[in-house]
């Protein structure tokens, strides 16, 4: 079933000469919240990324709010000077208060849940639920279109889905996978493998294929690390 998608606020700028992103993001969130709160009604509001939606919508409506917390915004900025630290204080406080206005808080992983509680110390008594992002599983025709061999159902598949940014440390997954493959090759040659050689049988045996590593992620030309 298709969704009836309405777009609003797309004409609002994202920054002023490449600066003040947080201010313009909050202004856009304020405008969208007022627009939706005064125009539409429903069984539930689902918000994500910018917590200010929760604060504004809760002031206009008693409709339950589900907030999907990807990562605290205050951790996504660099505070390279004392002035920048002072500049961010009101936004950090506003984010924590706005997050608390949601009726249900979802996070995208247990890791994010841990970061949530370490960052939002005022919300330590709030309950969060983990909702993993959905992954669309392509059919075999899609694999053949891109000349990829789909992994066997008996193979161990390590799946890494991240943005292509340095802080995600995707290199660690590649290095760990390379070590695993080397250990399996050494074991196949009859050599002693360290460490945990006795556990390698669970990954590969004469009757199971070698493990696979699949790395996928988003790409945005506006993000310098993606381009680099």
N, C-alpha and C. Protein backbone atom coordinates (compact mmCIF):
# COMPACT_ATOMS: atom_id res chain seq x y z
N UNK A 1 0.85 -1.19 0.00
CA UNK A 1 0.00 0.00 0.00
C UNK A 1 0.88 1.23 0.00
N UNK A 2 0.59 2.19 -0.88
CA UNK A 2 1.39 3.40 -0.97
C UNK A 2 0.99 4.39 0.11
N UNK A 3 1.94 5.24 0.49
CA UNK A 3 1.70 6.24 1.51
C UNK A 3 1.38 7.58 0.86
N UNK A 4 0.53 8.33 1.51
CA UNK A 4 0.20 9.67 1.05
C UNK A 4 1.21 10.63 1.68
N UNK A 5 2.24 10.99 0.94
CA UNK A 5 3.34 11.78 1.47
C UNK A 5 3.13 13.26 1.14
N UNK A 6 3.20 14.08 2.18
CA UNK A 6 3.10 15.52 2.01
C UNK A 6 4.45 16.13 2.40
N UNK A 7 4.96 17.02 1.56
CA UNK A 7 6.24 17.67 1.81
C UNK A 7 5.99 19.12 2.22
N UNK A 8 6.61 19.54 3.32
CA UNK A 8 6.48 20.91 3.78
C UNK A 8 7.82 21.39 4.32
N UNK A 9 8.08 22.65 4.13
CA UNK A 9 9.32 23.22 4.67
C UNK A 9 10.56 22.96 3.85
N UNK A 10 10.40 22.40 2.67
CA UNK A 10 11.59 22.08 1.86
C UNK A 10 12.30 23.34 1.35
N UNK A 11 11.59 24.46 1.34
CA UNK A 11 12.20 25.69 0.84
C UNK A 11 13.02 26.42 1.91
N UNK A 12 12.90 25.99 3.14
CA UNK A 12 13.65 26.63 4.22
C UNK A 12 15.13 26.28 4.11
N UNK A 13 16.03 27.22 4.33
CA UNK A 13 17.47 26.95 4.19
C UNK A 13 17.99 26.05 5.29
N UNK A 14 19.08 25.35 5.02
CA UNK A 14 19.70 24.46 6.00
C UNK A 14 20.76 25.18 6.82
N UNK A 15 21.28 26.29 6.32
CA UNK A 15 22.33 27.02 7.03
C UNK A 15 22.43 28.42 6.46
N UNK A 16 23.27 29.23 7.08
CA UNK A 16 23.56 30.56 6.59
C UNK A 16 25.05 30.65 6.32
N UNK A 17 25.41 30.64 5.04
CA UNK A 17 26.81 30.65 4.63
C UNK A 17 27.59 29.48 5.28
N UNK A 18 26.90 28.32 5.33
CA UNK A 18 27.54 27.12 5.87
C UNK A 18 27.64 27.07 7.38
N UNK A 19 26.96 27.97 8.07
CA UNK A 19 27.04 28.02 9.53
C UNK A 19 25.62 27.98 10.13
N UNK A 20 25.58 27.78 11.45
CA UNK A 20 24.32 27.80 12.21
C UNK A 20 23.34 26.71 11.78
N UNK A 21 23.89 25.52 11.48
CA UNK A 21 23.03 24.41 11.07
C UNK A 21 21.99 24.06 12.13
N UNK A 22 22.40 24.05 13.40
CA UNK A 22 21.49 23.64 14.46
C UNK A 22 20.32 24.61 14.59
N UNK A 23 20.59 25.92 14.43
CA UNK A 23 19.52 26.90 14.54
C UNK A 23 18.49 26.71 13.43
N UNK A 24 18.96 26.51 12.22
CA UNK A 24 18.04 26.35 11.09
C UNK A 24 17.31 25.01 11.17
N UNK A 25 17.96 23.98 11.71
CA UNK A 25 17.28 22.69 11.88
C UNK A 25 16.15 22.82 12.90
N UNK A 26 16.39 23.58 13.96
CA UNK A 26 15.35 23.77 14.97
C UNK A 26 14.22 24.65 14.44
N UNK A 27 14.55 25.67 13.66
CA UNK A 27 13.51 26.51 13.07
C UNK A 27 12.63 25.71 12.11
N UNK A 28 13.26 24.83 11.34
CA UNK A 28 12.49 23.99 10.43
C UNK A 28 11.60 23.03 11.22
N UNK A 29 12.14 22.46 12.30
CA UNK A 29 11.36 21.55 13.13
C UNK A 29 10.18 22.28 13.77
N UNK A 30 10.42 23.53 14.19
CA UNK A 30 9.34 24.33 14.79
C UNK A 30 8.24 24.57 13.76
N UNK A 31 8.64 24.95 12.55
CA UNK A 31 7.66 25.22 11.50
C UNK A 31 6.86 23.96 11.14
N UNK A 32 7.55 22.86 10.96
CA UNK A 32 6.87 21.62 10.59
C UNK A 32 5.92 21.14 11.69
N UNK A 33 6.35 21.29 12.95
CA UNK A 33 5.50 20.87 14.06
C UNK A 33 4.23 21.71 14.13
N UNK A 34 4.37 23.02 13.95
CA UNK A 34 3.20 23.89 13.96
C UNK A 34 2.28 23.57 12.77
N UNK A 35 2.89 23.31 11.63
CA UNK A 35 2.11 22.99 10.42
C UNK A 35 1.31 21.71 10.61
N UNK A 36 1.97 20.68 11.12
CA UNK A 36 1.30 19.39 11.31
C UNK A 36 0.29 19.47 12.45
N UNK A 37 0.70 20.11 13.56
CA UNK A 37 -0.19 20.19 14.71
C UNK A 37 -1.47 20.94 14.44
N UNK A 38 -1.42 21.93 13.55
CA UNK A 38 -2.60 22.74 13.24
C UNK A 38 -3.38 22.22 12.05
N UNK A 39 -2.81 21.28 11.30
CA UNK A 39 -3.43 20.85 10.04
C UNK A 39 -3.93 19.41 10.08
N UNK A 40 -3.19 18.54 10.76
CA UNK A 40 -3.50 17.11 10.69
C UNK A 40 -3.79 16.54 12.07
N UNK A 41 -4.49 15.43 12.06
CA UNK A 41 -4.72 14.64 13.27
C UNK A 41 -4.52 13.18 12.93
N UNK A 42 -4.17 12.39 13.91
CA UNK A 42 -3.94 10.97 13.66
C UNK A 42 -3.90 10.21 14.97
N UNK A 43 -3.57 8.94 14.87
CA UNK A 43 -3.51 8.09 16.05
C UNK A 43 -2.19 8.23 16.79
N UNK A 44 -1.13 8.60 16.04
CA UNK A 44 0.19 8.71 16.66
C UNK A 44 1.08 9.59 15.77
N UNK A 45 1.96 10.34 16.40
CA UNK A 45 2.99 11.08 15.69
C UNK A 45 4.30 10.31 15.83
N UNK A 46 4.99 10.11 14.72
CA UNK A 46 6.31 9.46 14.74
C UNK A 46 7.35 10.50 14.35
N UNK A 47 8.27 10.78 15.25
CA UNK A 47 9.30 11.79 15.00
C UNK A 47 10.67 11.14 15.10
N UNK A 48 11.66 11.78 14.49
CA UNK A 48 13.02 11.24 14.62
C UNK A 48 14.04 12.37 14.45
N UNK A 49 15.25 12.08 14.84
CA UNK A 49 16.41 12.95 14.70
C UNK A 49 16.32 14.23 15.53
N UNK A 50 15.39 15.13 15.22
CA UNK A 50 15.29 16.40 15.93
C UNK A 50 14.21 16.28 17.01
N UNK A 51 14.63 16.38 18.26
CA UNK A 51 13.71 16.14 19.37
C UNK A 51 12.71 17.27 19.58
N UNK A 52 12.98 18.46 19.04
CA UNK A 52 12.09 19.59 19.25
C UNK A 52 10.67 19.30 18.77
N UNK A 53 10.52 18.41 17.79
CA UNK A 53 9.18 18.03 17.34
C UNK A 53 8.32 17.60 18.52
N UNK A 54 8.90 16.84 19.42
CA UNK A 54 8.14 16.29 20.56
C UNK A 54 7.60 17.40 21.45
N UNK A 55 8.44 18.39 21.72
CA UNK A 55 8.04 19.48 22.61
C UNK A 55 6.89 20.29 22.02
N UNK A 56 6.99 20.63 20.74
CA UNK A 56 5.98 21.46 20.10
C UNK A 56 4.68 20.69 19.90
N UNK A 57 4.78 19.46 19.41
CA UNK A 57 3.57 18.67 19.16
C UNK A 57 2.82 18.37 20.45
N UNK A 58 3.55 18.11 21.53
CA UNK A 58 2.90 17.82 22.81
C UNK A 58 2.15 19.04 23.34
N UNK A 59 2.56 20.24 22.94
CA UNK A 59 1.90 21.45 23.38
C UNK A 59 0.60 21.69 22.62
N UNK A 60 0.48 21.12 21.41
CA UNK A 60 -0.68 21.36 20.57
C UNK A 60 -1.64 20.19 20.54
N UNK A 61 -1.19 19.02 20.96
CA UNK A 61 -2.03 17.83 20.79
C UNK A 61 -1.76 16.82 21.90
N UNK A 62 -2.77 16.02 22.19
CA UNK A 62 -2.63 14.94 23.16
C UNK A 62 -2.32 13.61 22.46
N UNK A 63 -2.12 13.67 21.15
CA UNK A 63 -1.80 12.47 20.38
C UNK A 63 -0.46 11.89 20.86
N UNK A 64 -0.38 10.57 21.07
CA UNK A 64 0.89 9.96 21.51
C UNK A 64 2.01 10.21 20.52
N UNK A 65 3.21 10.37 21.04
CA UNK A 65 4.39 10.65 20.22
C UNK A 65 5.40 9.53 20.38
N UNK A 66 5.86 8.98 19.27
CA UNK A 66 6.92 7.98 19.26
C UNK A 66 8.16 8.63 18.66
N UNK A 67 9.22 8.71 19.45
CA UNK A 67 10.45 9.36 18.99
C UNK A 67 11.50 8.28 18.71
N UNK A 68 12.04 8.30 17.48
CA UNK A 68 13.08 7.34 17.09
C UNK A 68 14.43 8.04 17.21
N UNK A 69 15.17 7.69 18.23
CA UNK A 69 16.45 8.34 18.53
C UNK A 69 17.58 7.59 17.84
N UNK A 70 18.15 8.19 16.81
CA UNK A 70 19.28 7.58 16.12
C UNK A 70 20.57 7.75 16.91
N UNK A 71 20.81 8.97 17.37
CA UNK A 71 22.02 9.30 18.13
C UNK A 71 21.84 10.71 18.67
N UNK A 72 22.21 10.98 19.90
CA UNK A 72 22.06 12.33 20.44
C UNK A 72 22.76 13.37 19.56
N UNK A 73 22.02 14.41 19.21
CA UNK A 73 22.57 15.43 18.32
C UNK A 73 23.80 16.11 18.92
N UNK A 74 23.81 16.27 20.23
CA UNK A 74 24.91 16.99 20.87
C UNK A 74 26.24 16.26 20.77
N UNK A 75 26.20 14.99 20.39
CA UNK A 75 27.44 14.23 20.21
C UNK A 75 27.96 14.30 18.78
N UNK A 76 27.21 14.93 17.91
CA UNK A 76 27.58 14.97 16.49
C UNK A 76 28.30 16.26 16.09
N UNK A 77 28.61 17.08 17.08
CA UNK A 77 29.29 18.34 16.79
C UNK A 77 30.60 18.43 17.54
N UNK A 78 31.56 19.14 16.96
CA UNK A 78 32.86 19.34 17.60
C UNK A 78 32.83 20.63 18.40
N UNK A 79 33.39 20.56 19.60
CA UNK A 79 33.44 21.74 20.47
C UNK A 79 34.90 22.13 20.65
N UNK A 80 35.39 22.82 19.67
CA UNK A 80 36.82 23.11 19.60
C UNK A 80 37.23 24.35 20.38
N UNK A 81 36.28 25.07 20.92
CA UNK A 81 36.62 26.28 21.66
C UNK A 81 35.64 26.46 22.82
N UNK A 82 36.03 27.30 23.76
CA UNK A 82 35.16 27.58 24.89
C UNK A 82 33.88 28.26 24.44
N UNK A 83 34.00 29.13 23.45
CA UNK A 83 32.82 29.81 22.91
C UNK A 83 31.84 28.82 22.31
N UNK A 84 32.35 27.82 21.59
CA UNK A 84 31.47 26.81 20.99
C UNK A 84 30.79 25.97 22.07
N UNK A 85 31.50 25.70 23.15
CA UNK A 85 30.92 24.95 24.26
C UNK A 85 29.77 25.71 24.89
N UNK A 86 29.96 27.01 25.11
CA UNK A 86 28.90 27.84 25.68
C UNK A 86 27.73 27.98 24.71
N UNK A 87 28.04 28.09 23.43
CA UNK A 87 27.02 28.22 22.39
C UNK A 87 26.09 27.01 22.35
N UNK A 88 26.65 25.82 22.64
CA UNK A 88 25.87 24.59 22.53
C UNK A 88 25.04 24.28 23.77
N UNK A 89 25.31 24.91 24.91
CA UNK A 89 24.62 24.57 26.15
C UNK A 89 23.09 24.66 26.03
N UNK A 90 22.52 25.77 25.57
CA UNK A 90 21.05 25.82 25.48
C UNK A 90 20.46 24.78 24.53
N UNK A 91 21.17 24.46 23.46
CA UNK A 91 20.66 23.45 22.51
C UNK A 91 20.71 22.05 23.14
N UNK A 92 21.76 21.78 23.92
CA UNK A 92 21.86 20.48 24.58
C UNK A 92 20.74 20.30 25.61
N UNK A 93 20.47 21.35 26.37
CA UNK A 93 19.40 21.30 27.37
C UNK A 93 18.05 21.14 26.68
N UNK A 94 17.84 21.89 25.61
CA UNK A 94 16.58 21.79 24.86
C UNK A 94 16.38 20.40 24.29
N UNK A 95 17.45 19.78 23.80
CA UNK A 95 17.33 18.43 23.24
C UNK A 95 16.89 17.44 24.30
N UNK A 96 17.46 17.55 25.49
CA UNK A 96 17.12 16.59 26.54
C UNK A 96 15.67 16.79 27.02
N UNK A 97 15.25 18.04 27.18
CA UNK A 97 13.87 18.31 27.59
C UNK A 97 12.88 17.85 26.51
N UNK A 98 13.20 18.12 25.26
CA UNK A 98 12.31 17.74 24.16
C UNK A 98 12.21 16.23 24.02
N UNK A 99 13.31 15.54 24.21
CA UNK A 99 13.29 14.08 24.13
C UNK A 99 12.36 13.50 25.19
N UNK A 100 12.34 14.12 26.37
CA UNK A 100 11.51 13.62 27.47
C UNK A 100 10.02 13.79 27.20
N UNK A 101 9.65 14.61 26.23
CA UNK A 101 8.24 14.85 25.94
C UNK A 101 7.60 13.75 25.10
N UNK A 102 8.41 12.83 24.59
CA UNK A 102 7.86 11.72 23.80
C UNK A 102 7.23 10.68 24.72
N UNK A 103 6.17 10.05 24.24
CA UNK A 103 5.51 9.00 25.03
C UNK A 103 6.27 7.68 24.95
N UNK A 104 6.89 7.43 23.80
CA UNK A 104 7.68 6.22 23.60
C UNK A 104 8.98 6.61 22.93
N UNK A 105 10.10 6.10 23.42
CA UNK A 105 11.40 6.41 22.84
C UNK A 105 12.00 5.12 22.29
N UNK A 106 12.30 5.13 21.00
CA UNK A 106 12.92 3.99 20.34
C UNK A 106 14.36 4.35 19.99
N UNK A 107 15.24 3.37 20.05
CA UNK A 107 16.63 3.55 19.63
C UNK A 107 16.95 2.48 18.60
N UNK A 108 17.97 2.75 17.77
CA UNK A 108 18.24 1.84 16.66
C UNK A 108 19.18 0.69 17.00
N UNK A 109 19.67 0.63 18.25
CA UNK A 109 20.53 -0.48 18.66
C UNK A 109 20.74 -0.41 20.17
N UNK A 110 21.25 -1.50 20.74
CA UNK A 110 21.57 -1.50 22.16
C UNK A 110 22.75 -0.57 22.44
N UNK A 111 23.63 -0.44 21.45
CA UNK A 111 24.75 0.50 21.60
C UNK A 111 24.22 1.93 21.75
N UNK A 112 23.27 2.32 20.88
CA UNK A 112 22.69 3.65 20.97
C UNK A 112 21.94 3.83 22.28
N UNK A 113 21.31 2.78 22.78
CA UNK A 113 20.62 2.86 24.07
C UNK A 113 21.61 3.21 25.18
N UNK A 114 22.80 2.59 25.16
CA UNK A 114 23.82 2.89 26.15
C UNK A 114 24.28 4.34 26.05
N UNK A 115 24.48 4.80 24.82
CA UNK A 115 24.89 6.20 24.61
C UNK A 115 23.78 7.15 25.07
N UNK A 116 22.55 6.77 24.83
CA UNK A 116 21.40 7.58 25.24
C UNK A 116 21.43 7.85 26.74
N UNK A 117 21.60 6.80 27.52
CA UNK A 117 21.56 6.96 28.98
C UNK A 117 22.81 7.66 29.51
N UNK A 118 23.94 7.48 28.85
CA UNK A 118 25.14 8.18 29.30
C UNK A 118 25.09 9.67 28.97
N UNK A 119 24.38 10.01 27.89
CA UNK A 119 24.30 11.41 27.46
C UNK A 119 23.17 12.15 28.14
N UNK A 120 21.98 11.55 28.13
CA UNK A 120 20.81 12.20 28.73
C UNK A 120 20.66 11.74 30.18
N UNK A 121 21.45 12.30 31.04
CA UNK A 121 21.47 11.86 32.45
C UNK A 121 20.16 12.16 33.16
N UNK A 122 19.42 13.16 32.68
CA UNK A 122 18.13 13.46 33.30
C UNK A 122 17.08 12.39 32.98
N UNK A 123 17.34 11.59 31.96
CA UNK A 123 16.34 10.63 31.48
C UNK A 123 16.69 9.20 31.88
N UNK A 124 17.46 9.04 32.93
CA UNK A 124 17.92 7.70 33.31
C UNK A 124 16.78 6.77 33.69
N UNK A 125 15.64 7.33 34.08
CA UNK A 125 14.49 6.50 34.47
C UNK A 125 13.54 6.23 33.31
N UNK A 126 13.82 6.81 32.15
CA UNK A 126 12.97 6.58 30.99
C UNK A 126 13.30 5.22 30.37
N UNK A 127 12.29 4.55 29.90
CA UNK A 127 12.48 3.26 29.26
C UNK A 127 12.61 3.45 27.75
N UNK A 128 13.61 2.80 27.17
CA UNK A 128 13.78 2.82 25.72
C UNK A 128 13.58 1.41 25.17
N UNK A 129 13.14 1.35 23.94
CA UNK A 129 12.98 0.07 23.24
C UNK A 129 13.86 0.08 22.00
N UNK A 130 14.48 -1.06 21.71
CA UNK A 130 15.34 -1.17 20.53
C UNK A 130 14.50 -1.59 19.33
N UNK A 131 14.56 -0.79 18.28
CA UNK A 131 13.92 -1.11 17.01
C UNK A 131 14.97 -1.01 15.92
N UNK A 132 15.45 -2.16 15.47
CA UNK A 132 16.50 -2.16 14.45
C UNK A 132 15.95 -1.68 13.10
N UNK A 133 16.73 -0.90 12.38
CA UNK A 133 16.27 -0.46 11.05
C UNK A 133 16.00 -1.66 10.15
N UNK A 134 14.93 -1.55 9.38
CA UNK A 134 14.55 -2.66 8.49
C UNK A 134 15.55 -2.80 7.35
N UNK A 135 15.82 -4.02 6.97
CA UNK A 135 16.73 -4.30 5.86
C UNK A 135 15.95 -5.05 4.78
N UNK A 136 15.93 -4.48 3.61
CA UNK A 136 15.26 -5.13 2.50
C UNK A 136 16.17 -6.21 1.91
N UNK A 137 15.71 -7.46 1.91
CA UNK A 137 16.49 -8.58 1.40
C UNK A 137 16.21 -8.75 -0.10
N UNK A 138 17.21 -8.51 -0.95
CA UNK A 138 16.97 -8.63 -2.39
C UNK A 138 16.78 -10.08 -2.80
N UNK A 139 16.06 -10.29 -3.88
CA UNK A 139 15.89 -11.64 -4.39
C UNK A 139 17.11 -12.03 -5.23
N UNK A 140 17.13 -13.27 -5.67
CA UNK A 140 18.30 -13.78 -6.39
C UNK A 140 18.51 -13.06 -7.71
N UNK A 141 17.42 -12.61 -8.34
CA UNK A 141 17.56 -11.88 -9.61
C UNK A 141 18.36 -10.60 -9.43
N UNK A 142 18.20 -9.96 -8.27
CA UNK A 142 18.93 -8.72 -8.00
C UNK A 142 20.42 -8.99 -7.89
N UNK A 143 20.78 -10.10 -7.26
CA UNK A 143 22.20 -10.47 -7.16
C UNK A 143 22.79 -10.71 -8.55
N UNK A 144 22.04 -11.43 -9.39
CA UNK A 144 22.55 -11.77 -10.71
C UNK A 144 22.68 -10.52 -11.58
N UNK A 145 21.79 -9.53 -11.36
CA UNK A 145 21.85 -8.28 -12.13
C UNK A 145 23.18 -7.58 -11.91
N UNK A 146 23.68 -7.62 -10.68
CA UNK A 146 24.94 -6.96 -10.36
C UNK A 146 26.11 -7.95 -10.34
N UNK A 147 25.87 -9.13 -10.90
CA UNK A 147 26.89 -10.17 -11.01
C UNK A 147 27.49 -10.54 -9.66
N UNK A 148 26.61 -10.62 -8.65
CA UNK A 148 27.02 -11.02 -7.31
C UNK A 148 26.46 -12.42 -7.03
N UNK A 149 27.23 -13.22 -6.38
CA UNK A 149 26.78 -14.56 -6.01
C UNK A 149 26.16 -14.47 -4.62
N UNK A 150 24.87 -14.78 -4.49
CA UNK A 150 24.25 -14.69 -3.16
C UNK A 150 24.89 -15.69 -2.21
N UNK A 151 25.11 -15.29 -0.95
CA UNK A 151 25.73 -16.20 0.00
C UNK A 151 24.86 -17.40 0.28
N UNK A 152 25.50 -18.53 0.48
CA UNK A 152 24.77 -19.75 0.80
C UNK A 152 24.05 -19.59 2.13
N UNK A 153 22.91 -20.26 2.26
CA UNK A 153 22.15 -20.20 3.51
C UNK A 153 22.93 -20.83 4.66
N UNK A 154 23.96 -21.64 4.33
CA UNK A 154 24.75 -22.29 5.37
C UNK A 154 25.98 -21.46 5.75
N UNK A 155 26.25 -20.41 5.02
CA UNK A 155 27.43 -19.60 5.29
C UNK A 155 27.15 -18.57 6.38
N UNK A 156 28.18 -18.27 7.19
CA UNK A 156 28.07 -17.19 8.16
C UNK A 156 28.31 -15.88 7.43
N UNK A 157 27.38 -14.97 7.58
CA UNK A 157 27.47 -13.68 6.91
C UNK A 157 27.60 -12.58 7.97
N UNK A 158 28.67 -11.81 7.87
CA UNK A 158 28.86 -10.66 8.74
C UNK A 158 28.40 -9.43 7.95
N UNK A 159 27.36 -8.77 8.46
CA UNK A 159 26.76 -7.64 7.76
C UNK A 159 27.04 -6.35 8.51
N UNK A 160 27.66 -5.39 7.82
CA UNK A 160 27.95 -4.09 8.41
C UNK A 160 27.23 -3.02 7.61
N UNK A 161 26.27 -2.35 8.26
CA UNK A 161 25.52 -1.28 7.61
C UNK A 161 25.78 0.01 8.38
N UNK A 162 26.50 0.90 7.77
CA UNK A 162 26.87 2.16 8.42
C UNK A 162 26.99 3.26 7.38
N UNK A 163 26.98 4.49 7.85
CA UNK A 163 27.39 5.58 6.98
C UNK A 163 28.90 5.46 6.76
N UNK A 164 29.35 5.85 5.60
CA UNK A 164 30.78 5.78 5.31
C UNK A 164 31.48 7.00 5.92
N UNK A 165 31.66 6.92 7.23
CA UNK A 165 32.34 7.97 7.98
C UNK A 165 33.44 7.34 8.82
N UNK A 166 34.49 8.10 9.09
CA UNK A 166 35.64 7.55 9.80
C UNK A 166 35.27 7.07 11.20
N UNK A 167 34.37 7.79 11.86
CA UNK A 167 34.03 7.42 13.24
C UNK A 167 33.33 6.06 13.31
N UNK A 168 32.79 5.58 12.20
CA UNK A 168 32.16 4.26 12.20
C UNK A 168 33.20 3.13 12.20
N UNK A 169 34.45 3.48 11.89
CA UNK A 169 35.56 2.52 11.96
C UNK A 169 35.26 1.23 11.18
N UNK A 170 34.81 1.40 9.95
CA UNK A 170 34.51 0.24 9.11
C UNK A 170 35.77 -0.58 8.85
N UNK A 171 36.92 0.07 8.91
CA UNK A 171 38.19 -0.63 8.71
C UNK A 171 38.36 -1.77 9.69
N UNK A 172 37.83 -1.61 10.91
CA UNK A 172 37.95 -2.66 11.91
C UNK A 172 37.27 -3.94 11.46
N UNK A 173 36.10 -3.82 10.82
CA UNK A 173 35.40 -5.00 10.33
C UNK A 173 36.21 -5.70 9.25
N UNK A 174 36.84 -4.92 8.37
CA UNK A 174 37.63 -5.50 7.29
C UNK A 174 38.86 -6.20 7.85
N UNK A 175 39.54 -5.57 8.80
CA UNK A 175 40.74 -6.18 9.39
C UNK A 175 40.40 -7.44 10.17
N UNK A 176 39.29 -7.41 10.92
CA UNK A 176 38.88 -8.59 11.68
C UNK A 176 38.52 -9.74 10.74
N UNK A 177 37.84 -9.41 9.65
CA UNK A 177 37.47 -10.44 8.66
C UNK A 177 38.71 -11.04 8.02
N UNK A 178 39.70 -10.20 7.71
CA UNK A 178 40.94 -10.69 7.11
C UNK A 178 41.66 -11.64 8.06
N UNK A 179 41.66 -11.31 9.36
CA UNK A 179 42.30 -12.19 10.35
C UNK A 179 41.56 -13.52 10.43
N UNK A 180 40.23 -13.48 10.40
CA UNK A 180 39.44 -14.70 10.46
C UNK A 180 39.74 -15.60 9.26
N UNK A 181 39.78 -15.01 8.07
CA UNK A 181 40.07 -15.79 6.87
C UNK A 181 41.46 -16.42 6.95
N UNK A 182 42.44 -15.64 7.43
CA UNK A 182 43.80 -16.17 7.56
C UNK A 182 43.83 -17.34 8.54
N UNK A 183 43.12 -17.22 9.65
CA UNK A 183 43.08 -18.29 10.64
C UNK A 183 42.44 -19.55 10.06
N UNK A 184 41.39 -19.38 9.28
CA UNK A 184 40.73 -20.53 8.68
C UNK A 184 41.64 -21.20 7.65
N UNK A 185 42.38 -20.39 6.88
CA UNK A 185 43.31 -20.95 5.91
C UNK A 185 44.43 -21.70 6.60
N UNK A 186 44.93 -21.15 7.70
CA UNK A 186 45.99 -21.83 8.44
C UNK A 186 45.49 -23.14 9.03
N UNK A 187 44.25 -23.12 9.52
CA UNK A 187 43.69 -24.35 10.08
C UNK A 187 43.51 -25.40 9.00
N UNK A 188 43.14 -24.93 7.78
CA UNK A 188 42.97 -25.87 6.69
C UNK A 188 44.27 -26.52 6.25
N UNK A 189 45.40 -25.85 6.54
CA UNK A 189 46.71 -26.40 6.21
C UNK A 189 47.27 -27.27 7.32
N UNK A 190 46.47 -27.40 8.39
CA UNK A 190 46.91 -28.26 9.48
C UNK A 190 47.84 -27.60 10.47
N UNK A 191 47.95 -26.29 10.42
CA UNK A 191 48.82 -25.59 11.35
C UNK A 191 48.03 -25.18 12.59
N UNK A 192 48.77 -24.94 13.66
CA UNK A 192 48.13 -24.50 14.89
C UNK A 192 47.76 -23.01 14.75
N UNK A 193 46.54 -22.68 15.10
CA UNK A 193 46.06 -21.33 14.93
C UNK A 193 45.73 -20.73 16.29
N UNK A 194 46.16 -19.52 16.50
CA UNK A 194 45.85 -18.80 17.73
C UNK A 194 45.21 -17.47 17.35
N UNK A 195 44.30 -16.94 18.19
CA UNK A 195 43.73 -17.59 19.36
C UNK A 195 42.41 -18.27 19.00
N UNK A 196 41.85 -19.00 19.96
CA UNK A 196 40.53 -19.59 19.83
C UNK A 196 40.39 -20.50 18.62
N UNK A 197 41.41 -21.28 18.36
CA UNK A 197 41.35 -22.16 17.19
C UNK A 197 40.22 -23.17 17.32
N UNK A 198 39.91 -23.57 18.56
CA UNK A 198 38.88 -24.58 18.75
C UNK A 198 37.50 -24.06 18.38
N UNK A 199 37.35 -22.72 18.28
CA UNK A 199 36.05 -22.15 17.97
C UNK A 199 35.83 -21.93 16.48
N UNK A 200 36.87 -22.14 15.69
CA UNK A 200 36.75 -21.81 14.28
C UNK A 200 35.83 -22.75 13.53
N UNK A 201 35.60 -23.95 14.09
CA UNK A 201 34.75 -24.91 13.40
C UNK A 201 33.34 -24.39 13.21
N UNK A 202 32.91 -23.49 14.11
CA UNK A 202 31.56 -22.97 13.99
C UNK A 202 31.42 -22.04 12.78
N UNK A 203 32.54 -21.51 12.26
CA UNK A 203 32.49 -20.61 11.12
C UNK A 203 32.69 -21.33 9.80
N UNK A 204 33.52 -22.35 9.80
CA UNK A 204 33.79 -23.01 8.53
C UNK A 204 34.21 -24.45 8.77
N UNK A 205 33.61 -25.38 8.06
CA UNK A 205 33.96 -26.79 8.10
C UNK A 205 34.04 -27.26 6.66
N UNK A 206 34.52 -28.47 6.46
CA UNK A 206 34.58 -28.99 5.08
C UNK A 206 33.23 -29.00 4.39
N UNK A 207 32.13 -28.91 5.17
CA UNK A 207 30.80 -29.01 4.59
C UNK A 207 30.09 -27.65 4.53
N UNK A 208 30.73 -26.61 4.97
CA UNK A 208 30.11 -25.28 4.93
C UNK A 208 31.00 -24.31 4.20
N UNK A 209 30.40 -23.33 3.52
CA UNK A 209 31.20 -22.35 2.78
C UNK A 209 31.93 -21.41 3.73
N UNK A 210 32.90 -20.69 3.17
CA UNK A 210 33.63 -19.71 3.96
C UNK A 210 32.71 -18.56 4.33
N UNK A 211 32.98 -17.88 5.43
CA UNK A 211 32.14 -16.75 5.83
C UNK A 211 32.26 -15.60 4.84
N UNK A 212 31.26 -14.76 4.83
CA UNK A 212 31.23 -13.61 3.93
C UNK A 212 31.13 -12.33 4.76
N UNK A 213 31.73 -11.27 4.26
CA UNK A 213 31.60 -9.95 4.87
C UNK A 213 30.93 -9.03 3.86
N UNK A 214 29.80 -8.46 4.23
CA UNK A 214 29.07 -7.54 3.37
C UNK A 214 29.03 -6.18 4.05
N UNK A 215 29.51 -5.16 3.35
CA UNK A 215 29.53 -3.80 3.88
C UNK A 215 28.64 -2.94 3.00
N UNK A 216 27.70 -2.26 3.62
CA UNK A 216 26.80 -1.38 2.89
C UNK A 216 26.64 -0.09 3.69
N UNK A 217 26.32 0.99 2.98
CA UNK A 217 26.16 2.24 3.70
C UNK A 217 25.65 3.35 2.81
N UNK A 218 25.30 4.46 3.45
CA UNK A 218 24.78 5.59 2.72
C UNK A 218 25.88 6.47 2.15
N UNK A 219 25.56 7.16 1.08
CA UNK A 219 26.51 8.06 0.44
C UNK A 219 25.81 9.37 0.13
N UNK A 220 26.41 10.46 0.57
CA UNK A 220 25.84 11.78 0.36
C UNK A 220 26.96 12.72 -0.06
N UNK A 221 26.83 13.31 -1.23
CA UNK A 221 27.88 14.18 -1.75
C UNK A 221 28.09 15.42 -0.88
N UNK A 222 27.11 15.75 -0.04
CA UNK A 222 27.25 16.91 0.84
C UNK A 222 28.13 16.60 2.06
N UNK A 223 28.39 15.32 2.29
CA UNK A 223 29.22 14.92 3.42
C UNK A 223 30.65 14.70 2.92
N UNK A 224 31.57 15.51 3.41
CA UNK A 224 32.94 15.50 2.89
C UNK A 224 33.60 14.14 3.05
N UNK A 225 33.36 13.44 4.15
CA UNK A 225 33.99 12.15 4.38
C UNK A 225 33.51 11.11 3.37
N UNK A 226 32.27 11.20 2.93
CA UNK A 226 31.77 10.30 1.90
C UNK A 226 32.55 10.50 0.60
N UNK A 227 32.73 11.76 0.25
CA UNK A 227 33.41 12.09 -1.00
C UNK A 227 34.88 11.69 -0.93
N UNK A 228 35.51 11.90 0.23
CA UNK A 228 36.93 11.57 0.38
C UNK A 228 37.17 10.07 0.36
